[in-house]
Structure formats: C-alpha cells, structure tokens
PDB file of N, CA and C in Angstrom:
ATOM      1  N   UNK A   1     101.080  76.405  69.107  1.00  0.00           N
ATOM      2  CA  UNK A   1     102.052  76.543  70.163  1.00  0.00           C
ATOM      3  C   UNK A   1     101.636  75.677  71.348  1.00  0.00           C
ATOM      4  N   UNK A   2     102.547  74.865  71.790  1.00  0.00           N
ATOM      5  CA  UNK A   2     102.309  74.030  72.958  1.00  0.00           C
ATOM      6  C   UNK A   2     102.672  74.820  74.208  1.00  0.00           C
ATOM      7  N   UNK A   3     101.804  74.781  75.200  1.00  0.00           N
ATOM      8  CA  UNK A   3     102.001  75.566  76.407  1.00  0.00           C
ATOM      9  C   UNK A   3     102.892  74.822  77.391  1.00  0.00           C
ATOM     10  N   UNK A   4     104.004  75.421  77.750  1.00  0.00           N
ATOM     11  CA  UNK A   4     104.888  74.907  78.786  1.00  0.00           C
ATOM     12  C   UNK A   4     104.503  75.604  80.084  1.00  0.00           C
ATOM     13  N   UNK A   5     103.930  74.853  81.017  1.00  0.00           N
ATOM     14  CA  UNK A   5     103.366  75.434  82.228  1.00  0.00           C
ATOM     15  C   UNK A   5     104.408  76.173  83.074  1.00  0.00           C
ATOM     16  N   UNK A   6     105.586  75.615  83.226  1.00  0.00           N
ATOM     17  CA  UNK A   6     106.626  76.266  84.036  1.00  0.00           C
ATOM     18  C   UNK A   6     107.061  77.589  83.422  1.00  0.00           C
ATOM     19  N   UNK A   7     107.233  77.615  82.101  1.00  0.00           N
ATOM     20  CA  UNK A   7     107.615  78.853  81.431  1.00  0.00           C
ATOM     21  C   UNK A   7     106.493  79.887  81.518  1.00  0.00           C
ATOM     22  N   UNK A   8     105.258  79.427  81.384  1.00  0.00           N
ATOM     23  CA  UNK A   8     104.113  80.333  81.469  1.00  0.00           C
ATOM     24  C   UNK A   8     104.056  80.996  82.843  1.00  0.00           C
ATOM     25  N   UNK A   9     104.217  80.207  83.892  1.00  0.00           N
ATOM     26  CA  UNK A   9     104.170  80.740  85.258  1.00  0.00           C
ATOM     27  C   UNK A   9     105.302  81.731  85.489  1.00  0.00           C
ATOM     28  N   UNK A  10     106.499  81.393  85.031  1.00  0.00           N
ATOM     29  CA  UNK A  10     107.640  82.306  85.176  1.00  0.00           C
ATOM     30  C   UNK A  10     107.386  83.605  84.414  1.00  0.00           C
ATOM     31  N   UNK A  11     106.848  83.501  83.210  1.00  0.00           N
ATOM     32  CA  UNK A  11     106.517  84.680  82.422  1.00  0.00           C
ATOM     33  C   UNK A  11     105.413  85.503  83.059  1.00  0.00           C
ATOM     34  N   UNK A  12     104.412  84.822  83.615  1.00  0.00           N
ATOM     35  CA  UNK A  12     103.308  85.506  84.293  1.00  0.00           C
ATOM     36  C   UNK A  12     103.847  86.343  85.448  1.00  0.00           C
ATOM     37  N   UNK A  13     104.680  85.742  86.271  1.00  0.00           N
ATOM     38  CA  UNK A  13     105.248  86.457  87.417  1.00  0.00           C
ATOM     39  C   UNK A  13     106.109  87.633  86.965  1.00  0.00           C
ATOM     40  N   UNK A  14     106.912  87.419  85.944  1.00  0.00           N
ATOM     41  CA  UNK A  14     107.744  88.504  85.417  1.00  0.00           C
ATOM     42  C   UNK A  14     106.881  89.625  84.841  1.00  0.00           C
ATOM     43  N   UNK A  15     105.856  89.251  84.103  1.00  0.00           N
ATOM     44  CA  UNK A  15     104.953  90.238  83.516  1.00  0.00           C
ATOM     45  C   UNK A  15     104.230  91.053  84.570  1.00  0.00           C
ATOM     46  N   UNK A  16     103.804  90.398  85.645  1.00  0.00           N
ATOM     47  CA  UNK A  16     103.108  91.093  86.726  1.00  0.00           C
ATOM     48  C   UNK A  16     104.033  92.115  87.383  1.00  0.00           C
ATOM     49  N   UNK A  17     105.262  91.681  87.686  1.00  0.00           N
ATOM     50  CA  UNK A  17     106.219  92.585  88.326  1.00  0.00           C
ATOM     51  C   UNK A  17     106.626  93.739  87.411  1.00  0.00           C
ATOM     52  N   UNK A  18     106.863  93.434  86.149  1.00  0.00           N
ATOM     53  CA  UNK A  18     107.213  94.500  85.210  1.00  0.00           C
ATOM     54  C   UNK A  18     106.063  95.488  85.039  1.00  0.00           C
ATOM     55  N   UNK A  19     104.846  94.998  85.015  1.00  0.00           N
ATOM     56  CA  UNK A  19     103.685  95.885  84.903  1.00  0.00           C
ATOM     57  C   UNK A  19     103.584  96.781  86.128  1.00  0.00           C
ATOM     58  N   UNK A  20     103.981  96.253  87.267  1.00  0.00           N
ATOM     59  CA  UNK A  20     103.900  97.004  88.508  1.00  0.00           C
ATOM     60  C   UNK A  20     104.977  98.093  88.591  1.00  0.00           C
ATOM     61  N   UNK A  21     106.190  97.771  88.132  1.00  0.00           N
ATOM     62  CA  UNK A  21     107.315  98.680  88.338  1.00  0.00           C
ATOM     63  C   UNK A  21     107.902  99.296  87.065  1.00  0.00           C
ATOM     64  N   UNK A  22     107.769  98.633  85.941  1.00  0.00           N
ATOM     65  CA  UNK A  22     108.360  99.113  84.680  1.00  0.00           C
ATOM     66  C   UNK A  22     107.386  98.910  83.519  1.00  0.00           C
ATOM     67  N   UNK A  23     106.269  99.601  83.572  1.00  0.00           N
ATOM     68  CA  UNK A  23     105.196  99.443  82.587  1.00  0.00           C
ATOM     69  C   UNK A  23     105.679  99.696  81.157  1.00  0.00           C
ATOM     70  N   UNK A  24     106.458 100.731  80.970  1.00  0.00           N
ATOM     71  CA  UNK A  24     106.916 101.083  79.623  1.00  0.00           C
ATOM     72  C   UNK A  24     107.834 100.008  79.042  1.00  0.00           C
ATOM     73  N   UNK A  25     108.701  99.462  79.873  1.00  0.00           N
ATOM     74  CA  UNK A  25     109.614  98.404  79.413  1.00  0.00           C
ATOM     75  C   UNK A  25     108.807  97.183  78.984  1.00  0.00           C
ATOM     76  N   UNK A  26     107.846  96.800  79.790  1.00  0.00           N
ATOM     77  CA  UNK A  26     107.025  95.630  79.468  1.00  0.00           C
ATOM     78  C   UNK A  26     106.243  95.842  78.179  1.00  0.00           C
ATOM     79  N   UNK A  27     105.628  96.990  78.032  1.00  0.00           N
ATOM     80  CA  UNK A  27     104.868  97.275  76.818  1.00  0.00           C
ATOM     81  C   UNK A  27     105.764  97.223  75.589  1.00  0.00           C
ATOM     82  N   UNK A  28     106.944  97.777  75.710  1.00  0.00           N
ATOM     83  CA  UNK A  28     107.903  97.765  74.607  1.00  0.00           C
ATOM     84  C   UNK A  28     108.312  96.332  74.258  1.00  0.00           C
ATOM     85  N   UNK A  29     108.593  95.542  75.270  1.00  0.00           N
ATOM     86  CA  UNK A  29     108.972  94.144  75.041  1.00  0.00           C
ATOM     87  C   UNK A  29     107.870  93.366  74.332  1.00  0.00           C
ATOM     88  N   UNK A  30     106.657  93.506  74.840  1.00  0.00           N
ATOM     89  CA  UNK A  30     105.555  92.713  74.299  1.00  0.00           C
ATOM     90  C   UNK A  30     105.178  93.106  72.882  1.00  0.00           C
ATOM     91  N   UNK A  31     105.406  94.354  72.512  1.00  0.00           N
ATOM     92  CA  UNK A  31     105.068  94.764  71.150  1.00  0.00           C
ATOM     93  C   UNK A  31     106.159  94.386  70.144  1.00  0.00           C
ATOM     94  N   UNK A  32     107.388  94.199  70.619  1.00  0.00           N
ATOM     95  CA  UNK A  32     108.499  93.933  69.714  1.00  0.00           C
ATOM     96  C   UNK A  32     108.874  92.456  69.600  1.00  0.00           C
ATOM     97  N   UNK A  33     108.428  91.633  70.531  1.00  0.00           N
ATOM     98  CA  UNK A  33     108.845  90.227  70.535  1.00  0.00           C
ATOM     99  C   UNK A  33     107.907  89.387  69.677  1.00  0.00           C
ATOM    100  N   UNK A  34     108.515  88.601  68.831  1.00  0.00           N
ATOM    101  CA  UNK A  34     107.782  87.676  67.978  1.00  0.00           C
ATOM    102  C   UNK A  34     108.739  86.549  67.614  1.00  0.00           C
ATOM    103  N   UNK A  35     108.418  85.340  67.553  1.00  0.00           N
ATOM    104  CA  UNK A  35     107.133  84.692  67.802  1.00  0.00           C
ATOM    105  C   UNK A  35     106.843  84.559  69.298  1.00  0.00           C
ATOM    106  N   UNK A  36     105.598  84.333  69.598  1.00  0.00           N
ATOM    107  CA  UNK A  36     105.150  84.210  70.979  1.00  0.00           C
ATOM    108  C   UNK A  36     105.368  82.777  71.448  1.00  0.00           C
ATOM    109  N   UNK A  37     105.934  82.650  72.652  1.00  0.00           N
ATOM    110  CA  UNK A  37     106.088  81.333  73.268  1.00  0.00           C
ATOM    111  C   UNK A  37     105.381  81.342  74.625  1.00  0.00           C
ATOM    112  N   UNK A  38     105.527  80.291  75.398  1.00  0.00           N
ATOM    113  CA  UNK A  38     104.829  80.170  76.678  1.00  0.00           C
ATOM    114  C   UNK A  38     105.225  81.283  77.643  1.00  0.00           C
ATOM    115  N   UNK A  39     106.506  81.625  77.672  1.00  0.00           N
ATOM    116  CA  UNK A  39     106.985  82.662  78.582  1.00  0.00           C
ATOM    117  C   UNK A  39     106.375  84.025  78.231  1.00  0.00           C
ATOM    118  N   UNK A  40     106.389  84.375  76.956  1.00  0.00           N
ATOM    119  CA  UNK A  40     105.844  85.657  76.512  1.00  0.00           C
ATOM    120  C   UNK A  40     104.332  85.695  76.716  1.00  0.00           C
ATOM    121  N   UNK A  41     103.679  84.594  76.464  1.00  0.00           N
ATOM    122  CA  UNK A  41     102.240  84.513  76.703  1.00  0.00           C
ATOM    123  C   UNK A  41     101.943  84.736  78.187  1.00  0.00           C
ATOM    124  N   UNK A  42     102.754  84.141  79.046  1.00  0.00           N
ATOM    125  CA  UNK A  42     102.606  84.346  80.488  1.00  0.00           C
ATOM    126  C   UNK A  42     102.815  85.791  80.880  1.00  0.00           C
ATOM    127  N   UNK A  43     103.789  86.447  80.254  1.00  0.00           N
ATOM    128  CA  UNK A  43     104.032  87.862  80.540  1.00  0.00           C
ATOM    129  C   UNK A  43     102.812  88.706  80.184  1.00  0.00           C
ATOM    130  N   UNK A  44     102.198  88.387  79.055  1.00  0.00           N
ATOM    131  CA  UNK A  44     101.005  89.120  78.630  1.00  0.00           C
ATOM    132  C   UNK A  44      99.883  88.961  79.649  1.00  0.00           C
ATOM    133  N   UNK A  45      99.666  87.738  80.111  1.00  0.00           N
ATOM    134  CA  UNK A  45      98.617  87.497  81.094  1.00  0.00           C
ATOM    135  C   UNK A  45      98.969  88.098  82.452  1.00  0.00           C
ATOM    136  N   UNK A  46     100.246  88.131  82.809  1.00  0.00           N
ATOM    137  CA  UNK A  46     100.672  88.777  84.046  1.00  0.00           C
ATOM    138  C   UNK A  46     100.381  90.265  84.018  1.00  0.00           C
ATOM    139  N   UNK A  47     100.626  90.885  82.878  1.00  0.00           N
ATOM    140  CA  UNK A  47     100.328  92.315  82.706  1.00  0.00           C
ATOM    141  C   UNK A  47      98.833  92.566  82.839  1.00  0.00           C
ATOM    142  N   UNK A  48      98.029  91.726  82.195  1.00  0.00           N
ATOM    143  CA  UNK A  48      96.578  91.883  82.272  1.00  0.00           C
ATOM    144  C   UNK A  48      96.076  91.693  83.697  1.00  0.00           C
ATOM    145  N   UNK A  49      96.644  90.742  84.414  1.00  0.00           N
ATOM    146  CA  UNK A  49      96.239  90.487  85.796  1.00  0.00           C
ATOM    147  C   UNK A  49      96.567  91.680  86.689  1.00  0.00           C
ATOM    148  N   UNK A  50      97.725  92.275  86.494  1.00  0.00           N
ATOM    149  CA  UNK A  50      98.087  93.455  87.276  1.00  0.00           C
ATOM    150  C   UNK A  50      97.116  94.597  86.996  1.00  0.00           C
ATOM    151  N   UNK A  51      96.810  94.816  85.740  1.00  0.00           N
ATOM    152  CA  UNK A  51      95.885  95.889  85.372  1.00  0.00           C
ATOM    153  C   UNK A  51      94.505  95.650  85.975  1.00  0.00           C
ATOM    154  N   UNK A  52      94.060  94.405  85.989  1.00  0.00           N
ATOM    155  CA  UNK A  52      92.774  94.063  86.582  1.00  0.00           C
ATOM    156  C   UNK A  52      92.794  94.300  88.091  1.00  0.00           C
ATOM    157  N   UNK A  53      93.876  93.916  88.739  1.00  0.00           N
ATOM    158  CA  UNK A  53      94.022  94.133  90.180  1.00  0.00           C
ATOM    159  C   UNK A  53      94.011  95.619  90.502  1.00  0.00           C
ATOM    160  N   UNK A  54      94.715  96.403  89.705  1.00  0.00           N
ATOM    161  CA  UNK A  54      94.764  97.846  89.898  1.00  0.00           C
ATOM    162  C   UNK A  54      93.373  98.462  89.760  1.00  0.00           C
ATOM    163  N   UNK A  55      92.638  98.064  88.750  1.00  0.00           N
ATOM    164  CA  UNK A  55      91.289  98.580  88.539  1.00  0.00           C
ATOM    165  C   UNK A  55      90.353  98.178  89.671  1.00  0.00           C
ATOM    166  N   UNK A  56      90.477  96.950  90.145  1.00  0.00           N
ATOM    167  CA  UNK A  56      89.651  96.475  91.248  1.00  0.00           C
ATOM    168  C   UNK A  56      89.928  97.282  92.510  1.00  0.00           C
ATOM    169  N   UNK A  57      91.205  97.543  92.783  1.00  0.00           N
ATOM    170  CA  UNK A  57      91.564  98.345  93.953  1.00  0.00           C
ATOM    171  C   UNK A  57      91.026  99.764  93.838  1.00  0.00           C
ATOM    172  N   UNK A  58      91.078 100.337  92.651  1.00  0.00           N
ATOM    173  CA  UNK A  58      90.555 101.688  92.454  1.00  0.00           C
ATOM    174  C   UNK A  58      89.044 101.725  92.651  1.00  0.00           C
ATOM    175  N   UNK A  59      88.342 100.699  92.175  1.00  0.00           N
ATOM    176  CA  UNK A  59      86.893 100.634  92.379  1.00  0.00           C
ATOM    177  C   UNK A  59      86.547 100.478  93.852  1.00  0.00           C
ATOM    178  N   UNK A  60      87.322  99.691  94.573  1.00  0.00           N
ATOM    179  CA  UNK A  60      87.102  99.536  96.015  1.00  0.00           C
ATOM    180  C   UNK A  60      87.296 100.863  96.738  1.00  0.00           C
ATOM    181  N   UNK A  61      88.324 101.607  96.350  1.00  0.00           N
ATOM    182  CA  UNK A  61      88.556 102.924  96.947  1.00  0.00           C
ATOM    183  C   UNK A  61      87.391 103.864  96.680  1.00  0.00           C
ATOM    184  N   UNK A  62      86.873 103.843  95.460  1.00  0.00           N
ATOM    185  CA  UNK A  62      85.724 104.691  95.132  1.00  0.00           C
ATOM    186  C   UNK A  62      84.489 104.308  95.945  1.00  0.00           C
ATOM    187  N   UNK A  63      84.277 103.015  96.117  1.00  0.00           N
ATOM    188  CA  UNK A  63      83.134 102.561  96.920  1.00  0.00           C
ATOM    189  C   UNK A  63      83.260 103.044  98.364  1.00  0.00           C
ATOM    190  N   UNK A  64      84.472 102.999  98.911  1.00  0.00           N
ATOM    191  CA  UNK A  64      84.694 103.462 100.282  1.00  0.00           C
ATOM    192  C   UNK A  64      84.420 104.959 100.398  1.00  0.00           C
ATOM    193  N   UNK A  65      84.898 105.715  99.423  1.00  0.00           N
ATOM    194  CA  UNK A  65      84.679 107.162  99.431  1.00  0.00           C
ATOM    195  C   UNK A  65      83.189 107.467  99.347  1.00  0.00           C
ATOM    196  N   UNK A  66      82.490 106.761  98.478  1.00  0.00           N
ATOM    197  CA  UNK A  66      81.049 106.993  98.320  1.00  0.00           C
ATOM    198  C   UNK A  66      80.292 106.637  99.596  1.00  0.00           C
ATOM    199  N   UNK A  67      80.668 105.530 100.228  1.00  0.00           N
ATOM    200  CA  UNK A  67      79.954 105.124 101.438  1.00  0.00           C
ATOM    201  C   UNK A  67      80.232 106.098 102.585  1.00  0.00           C
ATOM    202  N   UNK A  68      81.436 106.662 102.663  1.00  0.00           N
ATOM    203  CA  UNK A  68      81.728 107.669 103.684  1.00  0.00           C
ATOM    204  C   UNK A  68      80.892 108.918 103.450  1.00  0.00           C
ATOM    205  N   UNK A  69      80.778 109.324 102.192  1.00  0.00           N
ATOM    206  CA  UNK A  69      79.964 110.487 101.865  1.00  0.00           C
ATOM    207  C   UNK A  69      78.499 110.268 102.202  1.00  0.00           C
ATOM    208  N   UNK A  70      78.019 109.089 101.947  1.00  0.00           N
ATOM    209  CA  UNK A  70      76.630 108.742 102.239  1.00  0.00           C
ATOM    210  C   UNK A  70      76.392 108.747 103.741  1.00  0.00           C
ATOM    211  N   UNK A  71      77.330 108.185 104.502  1.00  0.00           N
ATOM    212  CA  UNK A  71      77.208 108.146 105.955  1.00  0.00           C
ATOM    213  C   UNK A  71      77.202 109.548 106.550  1.00  0.00           C
ATOM    214  N   UNK A  72      78.063 110.440 106.036  1.00  0.00           N
ATOM    215  CA  UNK A  72      78.124 111.803 106.573  1.00  0.00           C
ATOM    216  C   UNK A  72      76.859 112.587 106.235  1.00  0.00           C
ATOM    217  N   UNK A  73      76.292 112.361 105.050  1.00  0.00           N
ATOM    218  CA  UNK A  73      75.053 113.043 104.679  1.00  0.00           C
ATOM    219  C   UNK A  73      73.887 112.578 105.563  1.00  0.00           C
ATOM    220  N   UNK A  74      73.863 111.271 105.862  1.00  0.00           N
ATOM    221  CA  UNK A  74      72.787 110.744 106.701  1.00  0.00           C
ATOM    222  C   UNK A  74      72.891 111.278 108.123  1.00  0.00           C
ATOM    223  N   UNK A  75      74.116 111.426 108.644  1.00  0.00           N
ATOM    224  CA  UNK A  75      74.273 111.953 110.008  1.00  0.00           C
ATOM    225  C   UNK A  75      73.901 113.431 110.084  1.00  0.00           C
ATOM    226  N   UNK A  76      74.106 114.171 108.989  1.00  0.00           N
ATOM    227  CA  UNK A  76      73.720 115.584 108.945  1.00  0.00           C
ATOM    228  C   UNK A  76      72.205 115.740 108.975  1.00  0.00           C
ATOM    229  N   UNK A  77      71.478 114.757 108.437  1.00  0.00           N
ATOM    230  CA  UNK A  77      70.026 114.830 108.412  1.00  0.00           C
ATOM    231  C   UNK A  77      69.421 114.550 109.776  1.00  0.00           C
ATOM    232  N   UNK A  78      70.153 113.830 110.610  1.00  0.00           N
ATOM    233  CA  UNK A  78      69.620 113.468 111.940  1.00  0.00           C
ATOM    234  C   UNK A  78      69.662 114.584 112.904  1.00  0.00           C
TER     235      UNK A  78
END
C-alpha cells in the first residue's frame, strides 16, 4: 500500500476526534473496514494517539495527587 500523506492526515484527524467523542463508532468502523488504505491507516493512528494522550494526562493527574499528598505529610511532620 502506497501512503497518501493528505489522506493519512485527514484520517488521523478524523480518528482522533472519533476516539474523543464516539469511541464505539470508531472501533466498529476500524474492525469492519477492509482493505486498509491511507485514510483508514490514519484513523487507526489517530485513535492510538488519542489513547496515548489520555493515558499521559491521567498519569500527570496521578503525579499531582501524589505530590500534594507528600507535601501535606511533610507539613504535618513539621
């Protein structure tokens, strides 16, 4: 398969947005569509990018919570 950059980018953006707002629709589309072209490949990578961003944000939130807990424990010791 030859990669069409414009189609890939359009698919990536669509995949990211669908992953953000309509996860079930995107999953259904990606499992039922065959053969894969540049647009569909982009959608797959857009979905993965959204999931990675979501996980990164959740880890950042956990780090903030942990650091607040650590700060409060240290102030209690003083």
